[in-house]
C-alpha atoms as a PDB file:
ATOM      1  CA  MET A   1     142.541 -19.397-131.759  1.00  0.00           C
ATOM      2  CA  ASP A   2     141.957 -15.827-130.061  1.00  0.00           C
ATOM      3  CA  THR A   3     138.738 -13.937-131.655  1.00  0.00           C
ATOM      4  CA  PRO A   4     139.996 -10.184-132.471  1.00  0.00           C
ATOM      5  CA  ARG A   5     138.961  -7.196-130.815  1.00  0.00           C
ATOM      6  CA  GLU A   6     136.848  -4.715-131.577  1.00  0.00           C
ATOM      7  CA  PRO A   7     138.553  -1.437-131.308  1.00  0.00           C
ATOM      8  CA  ILE A   8     136.592   1.158-129.174  1.00  0.00           C
ATOM      9  CA  ILE A   9     137.498   3.757-130.768  1.00  0.00           C
ATOM     10  CA  GLU A  10     139.148   3.559-133.790  1.00  0.00           C
ATOM     11  CA  PHE A  11     140.751   6.520-136.332  1.00  0.00           C
ATOM     12  CA  LYS A  12     140.561   5.257-139.842  1.00  0.00           C
ATOM     13  CA  GLY A  13     142.705   7.903-142.217  1.00  0.00           C
ATOM     14  CA  VAL A  14     141.783  11.593-140.598  1.00  0.00           C
ATOM     15  CA  SER A  15     143.176  14.451-141.331  1.00  0.00           C
ATOM     16  CA  LYS A  16     142.436  18.060-140.111  1.00  0.00           C
ATOM     17  CA  SER A  17     144.066  21.599-141.081  1.00  0.00           C
ATOM     18  CA  PHE A  18     143.538  24.905-140.421  1.00  0.00           C
ATOM     19  CA  GLY A  19     143.815  27.170-142.746  1.00  0.00           C
ATOM     20  CA  ASP A  20     147.157  26.240-144.703  1.00  0.00           C
ATOM     21  CA  ARG A  21     148.143  24.521-141.744  1.00  0.00           C
ATOM     22  CA  ASN A  22     148.176  20.002-141.377  1.00  0.00           C
ATOM     23  CA  ILE A  23     147.586  19.802-137.843  1.00  0.00           C
ATOM     24  CA  LEU A  24     146.324  15.984-138.829  1.00  0.00           C
ATOM     25  CA  ASP A  25     147.497  14.568-141.922  1.00  0.00           C
ATOM     26  CA  ARG A  26     146.002  10.665-142.486  1.00  0.00           C
ATOM     27  CA  ILE A  27     146.512   9.110-138.795  1.00  0.00           C
ATOM     28  CA  ASP A  28     145.499   5.797-138.117  1.00  0.00           C
ATOM     29  CA  PHE A  29     145.313   4.497-134.566  1.00  0.00           C
ATOM     30  CA  SER A  30     142.685   2.610-132.061  1.00  0.00           C
ATOM     31  CA  ILE A  31     141.934   2.573-128.747  1.00  0.00           C
ATOM     32  CA  TYR A  32     141.050  -0.519-126.939  1.00  0.00           C
ATOM     33  CA  GLU A  33     138.988  -1.424-124.333  1.00  0.00           C
ATOM     34  CA  GLY A  34     140.596  -1.848-120.864  1.00  0.00           C
ATOM     35  CA  GLU A  35     143.709  -0.519-122.204  1.00  0.00           C
ATOM     36  CA  VAL A  36     144.774   2.605-121.725  1.00  0.00           C
ATOM     37  CA  THR A  37     146.363   5.148-124.690  1.00  0.00           C
ATOM     38  CA  THR A  38     148.352   7.901-124.470  1.00  0.00           C
ATOM     39  CA  LEU A  39     149.067  11.031-126.607  1.00  0.00           C
ATOM     40  CA  ILE A  40     152.381  11.906-126.437  1.00  0.00           C
ATOM     41  CA  GLY A  41     154.028  15.603-128.568  1.00  0.00           C
ATOM     42  CA  LEU A  42     155.588  18.826-128.934  1.00  0.00           C
ATOM     43  CA  SER A  43     152.812  21.235-128.859  1.00  0.00           C
ATOM     44  CA  GLY A  44     150.374  22.328-131.595  1.00  0.00           C
ATOM     45  CA  THR A  45     151.339  18.711-133.034  1.00  0.00           C
ATOM     46  CA  GLY A  46     147.309  17.895-133.145  1.00  0.00           C
ATOM     47  CA  LYS A  47     146.647  15.754-129.136  1.00  0.00           C
ATOM     48  CA  SER A  48     144.152  18.645-128.705  1.00  0.00           C
ATOM     49  CA  VAL A  49     142.144  18.039-132.306  1.00  0.00           C
ATOM     50  CA  THR A  50     142.710  14.703-131.969  1.00  0.00           C
ATOM     51  CA  LEU A  51     140.721  14.850-128.509  1.00  0.00           C
ATOM     52  CA  LYS A  52     138.527  17.139-129.913  1.00  0.00           C
ATOM     53  CA  HIS A  53     137.829  14.940-132.694  1.00  0.00           C
ATOM     54  CA  ILE A  54     136.694  12.007-130.717  1.00  0.00           C
ATOM     55  CA  ILE A  55     133.890  14.244-128.669  1.00  0.00           C
ATOM     56  CA  GLY A  56     132.981  15.681-131.863  1.00  0.00           C
ATOM     57  CA  MET A  57     134.633  19.099-131.062  1.00  0.00           C
ATOM     58  CA  LEU A  58     135.366  18.943-133.787  1.00  0.00           C
ATOM     59  CA  LYS A  59     135.250  17.278-137.548  1.00  0.00           C
ATOM     60  CA  PRO A  60     137.538  15.405-139.229  1.00  0.00           C
ATOM     61  CA  ASP A  61     138.416  16.611-142.754  1.00  0.00           C
ATOM     62  CA  GLU A  62     138.771  13.637-144.288  1.00  0.00           C
ATOM     63  CA  GLY A  63     138.158  10.131-142.286  1.00  0.00           C
ATOM     64  CA  GLN A  64     136.222   8.583-140.616  1.00  0.00           C
ATOM     65  CA  ILE A  65     136.095   7.639-136.440  1.00  0.00           C
ATOM     66  CA  LEU A  66     134.187   4.421-134.764  1.00  0.00           C
ATOM     67  CA  PHE A  67     132.958   3.665-132.216  1.00  0.00           C
ATOM     68  CA  ARG A  68     132.671   0.328-131.661  1.00  0.00           C
ATOM     69  CA  GLY A  69     132.586   0.191-135.264  1.00  0.00           C
ATOM     70  CA  LYS A  70     129.803   2.811-136.080  1.00  0.00           C
ATOM     71  CA  PRO A  71     131.200   5.854-137.643  1.00  0.00           C
ATOM     72  CA  ILE A  72     130.409   9.258-135.319  1.00  0.00           C
ATOM     73  CA  ASP A  73     128.907  11.281-137.542  1.00  0.00           C
ATOM     74  CA  GLN A  74     126.117   8.236-138.975  1.00  0.00           C
ATOM     75  CA  MET A  75     125.344   8.118-135.115  1.00  0.00           C
ATOM     76  CA  LYS A  76     121.485   9.265-134.493  1.00  0.00           C
ATOM     77  CA  LYS A  77     120.890  11.225-131.817  1.00  0.00           C
ATOM     78  CA  ALA A  78     120.377   9.287-129.345  1.00  0.00           C
ATOM     79  CA  GLU A  79     123.349   6.137-129.811  1.00  0.00           C
ATOM     80  CA  TRP A  80     125.455   9.650-130.164  1.00  0.00           C
ATOM     81  CA  ASN A  81     124.495  10.609-126.481  1.00  0.00           C
ATOM     82  CA  ASP A  82     124.984   7.529-126.093  1.00  0.00           C
ATOM     83  CA  TYR A  83     128.730   7.205-127.082  1.00  0.00           C
ATOM     84  CA  ILE A  84     128.840  10.840-126.324  1.00  0.00           C
ATOM     85  CA  GLY A  85     127.291  10.333-122.211  1.00  0.00           C
ATOM     86  CA  ARG A  86     130.215   7.073-121.975  1.00  0.00           C
ATOM     87  CA  ILE A  87     133.306   9.888-121.769  1.00  0.00           C
ATOM     88  CA  SER A  88     134.292  12.300-119.177  1.00  0.00           C
ATOM     89  CA  TYR A  89     137.262  14.709-120.087  1.00  0.00           C
ATOM     90  CA  MET A  90     138.761  17.625-118.738  1.00  0.00           C
ATOM     91  CA  PHE A  91     140.269  20.381-120.713  1.00  0.00           C
ATOM     92  CA  GLN A  92     143.482  22.353-119.878  1.00  0.00           C
ATOM     93  CA  SER A  93     144.055  25.549-118.613  1.00  0.00           C
ATOM     94  CA  ASN A  94     140.826  25.936-116.620  1.00  0.00           C
ATOM     95  CA  ALA A  95     138.320  25.931-120.222  1.00  0.00           C
ATOM     96  CA  LEU A  96     135.808  26.690-118.319  1.00  0.00           C
ATOM     97  CA  PHE A  97     132.441  28.197-118.785  1.00  0.00           C
ATOM     98  CA  ASP A  98     133.780  31.812-115.679  1.00  0.00           C
ATOM     99  CA  SER A  99     129.864  32.430-116.052  1.00  0.00           C
ATOM    100  CA  LEU A 100     129.610  28.842-113.418  1.00  0.00           C
ATOM    101  CA  THR A 101     131.676  26.991-110.717  1.00  0.00           C
ATOM    102  CA  VAL A 102     132.666  23.981-111.171  1.00  0.00           C
ATOM    103  CA  PHE A 103     129.543  22.048-110.415  1.00  0.00           C
ATOM    104  CA  GLU A 104     127.699  23.387-112.702  1.00  0.00           C
ATOM    105  CA  ASN A 105     130.526  23.222-115.502  1.00  0.00           C
ATOM    106  CA  VAL A 106     130.839  19.812-114.718  1.00  0.00           C
ATOM    107  CA  ALA A 107     126.559  18.774-114.626  1.00  0.00           C
ATOM    108  CA  LEU A 108     125.699  21.085-117.441  1.00  0.00           C
ATOM    109  CA  PRO A 109     126.280  18.426-120.138  1.00  0.00           C
ATOM    110  CA  LEU A 110     124.491  16.343-118.377  1.00  0.00           C
ATOM    111  CA  LYS A 111     121.342  19.014-117.964  1.00  0.00           C
ATOM    112  CA  TYR A 112     121.457  18.618-122.102  1.00  0.00           C
ATOM    113  CA  THR A 113     121.675  15.891-123.143  1.00  0.00           C
ATOM    114  CA  THR A 114     120.447  13.226-120.174  1.00  0.00           C
ATOM    115  CA  LYS A 115     116.905  13.027-119.240  1.00  0.00           C
ATOM    116  CA  LEU A 116     118.190  12.536-115.761  1.00  0.00           C
ATOM    117  CA  LYS A 117     116.545  13.924-113.219  1.00  0.00           C
ATOM    118  CA  LYS A 118     117.762  17.725-111.187  1.00  0.00           C
ATOM    119  CA  LYS A 119     119.037  14.664-108.302  1.00  0.00           C
ATOM    120  CA  GLU A 120     120.428  12.279-110.239  1.00  0.00           C
ATOM    121  CA  ILE A 121     122.553  14.288-112.361  1.00  0.00           C
ATOM    122  CA  GLU A 122     123.015  16.309-108.469  1.00  0.00           C
ATOM    123  CA  GLN A 123     124.792  13.159-107.559  1.00  0.00           C
ATOM    124  CA  LYS A 124     126.458  11.960-110.783  1.00  0.00           C
ATOM    125  CA  ALA A 125     128.083  15.418-111.145  1.00  0.00           C
ATOM    126  CA  MET A 126     128.942  15.120-107.250  1.00  0.00           C
ATOM    127  CA  ALA A 127     130.954  11.917-108.616  1.00  0.00           C
ATOM    128  CA  ARG A 128     132.936  13.193-111.128  1.00  0.00           C
ATOM    129  CA  ILE A 129     134.013  15.985-108.959  1.00  0.00           C
ATOM    130  CA  GLU A 130     134.866  13.730-106.539  1.00  0.00           C
ATOM    131  CA  GLN A 131     136.698  11.207-108.636  1.00  0.00           C
ATOM    132  CA  THR A 132     138.826  13.980-109.734  1.00  0.00           C
ATOM    133  CA  GLU A 133     139.790  15.540-106.283  1.00  0.00           C
ATOM    134  CA  LEU A 134     138.448  18.538-106.592  1.00  0.00           C
ATOM    135  CA  THR A 135     135.151  18.423-103.781  1.00  0.00           C
ATOM    136  CA  GLU A 136     137.016  21.968-102.267  1.00  0.00           C
ATOM    137  CA  VAL A 137     136.741  24.232-105.117  1.00  0.00           C
ATOM    138  CA  ALA A 138     133.185  22.533-106.428  1.00  0.00           C
ATOM    139  CA  ASP A 139     131.966  25.527-104.967  1.00  0.00           C
ATOM    140  CA  LYS A 140     134.599  28.510-106.745  1.00  0.00           C
ATOM    141  CA  TYR A 141     134.055  29.433-109.912  1.00  0.00           C
ATOM    142  CA  SER A 142     137.032  28.509-112.646  1.00  0.00           C
ATOM    143  CA  SER A 143     139.013  31.562-112.158  1.00  0.00           C
ATOM    144  CA  GLU A 144     138.324  31.206-107.908  1.00  0.00           C
ATOM    145  CA  SER A 145     139.369  27.852-108.671  1.00  0.00           C
ATOM    146  CA  GLY A 146     143.233  27.202-109.979  1.00  0.00           C
ATOM    147  CA  PRO A 147     146.443  25.996-107.906  1.00  0.00           C
ATOM    148  CA  HIS A 148     145.716  26.001-103.997  1.00  0.00           C
ATOM    149  CA  PRO A 149     149.893  26.669-102.018  1.00  0.00           C
END
């Protein structure tokens, strides 16, 4: 008999409202390691809100978000840093700091959430930039790095 797998990320009864607008209403779902999970929906239905909960930019009004069975809101600083260091994300619509280059935007979280040396940060940031096929705009500011003909 197969052993049940533990989800890597799990939402349990998560709700989030902004004013009188209920965006997430007691949602439950699990994300498993090694699988692709897709959020699909119309504009304004909570896709970005859900992702912002996963990365800690938002906190649920109700419910829990777990990483490998542990509530993320109960993590100690070292656990949080380990968790968030495992997550990569890119915002839509050039939501980067416009005073920093693309490279500096990618390197910024490593600078503030790790104890990596400058050279290691540069290597990791460039690896991520190469992975996302943004090498040609790494030294440009976000306003300069939009779509090219």
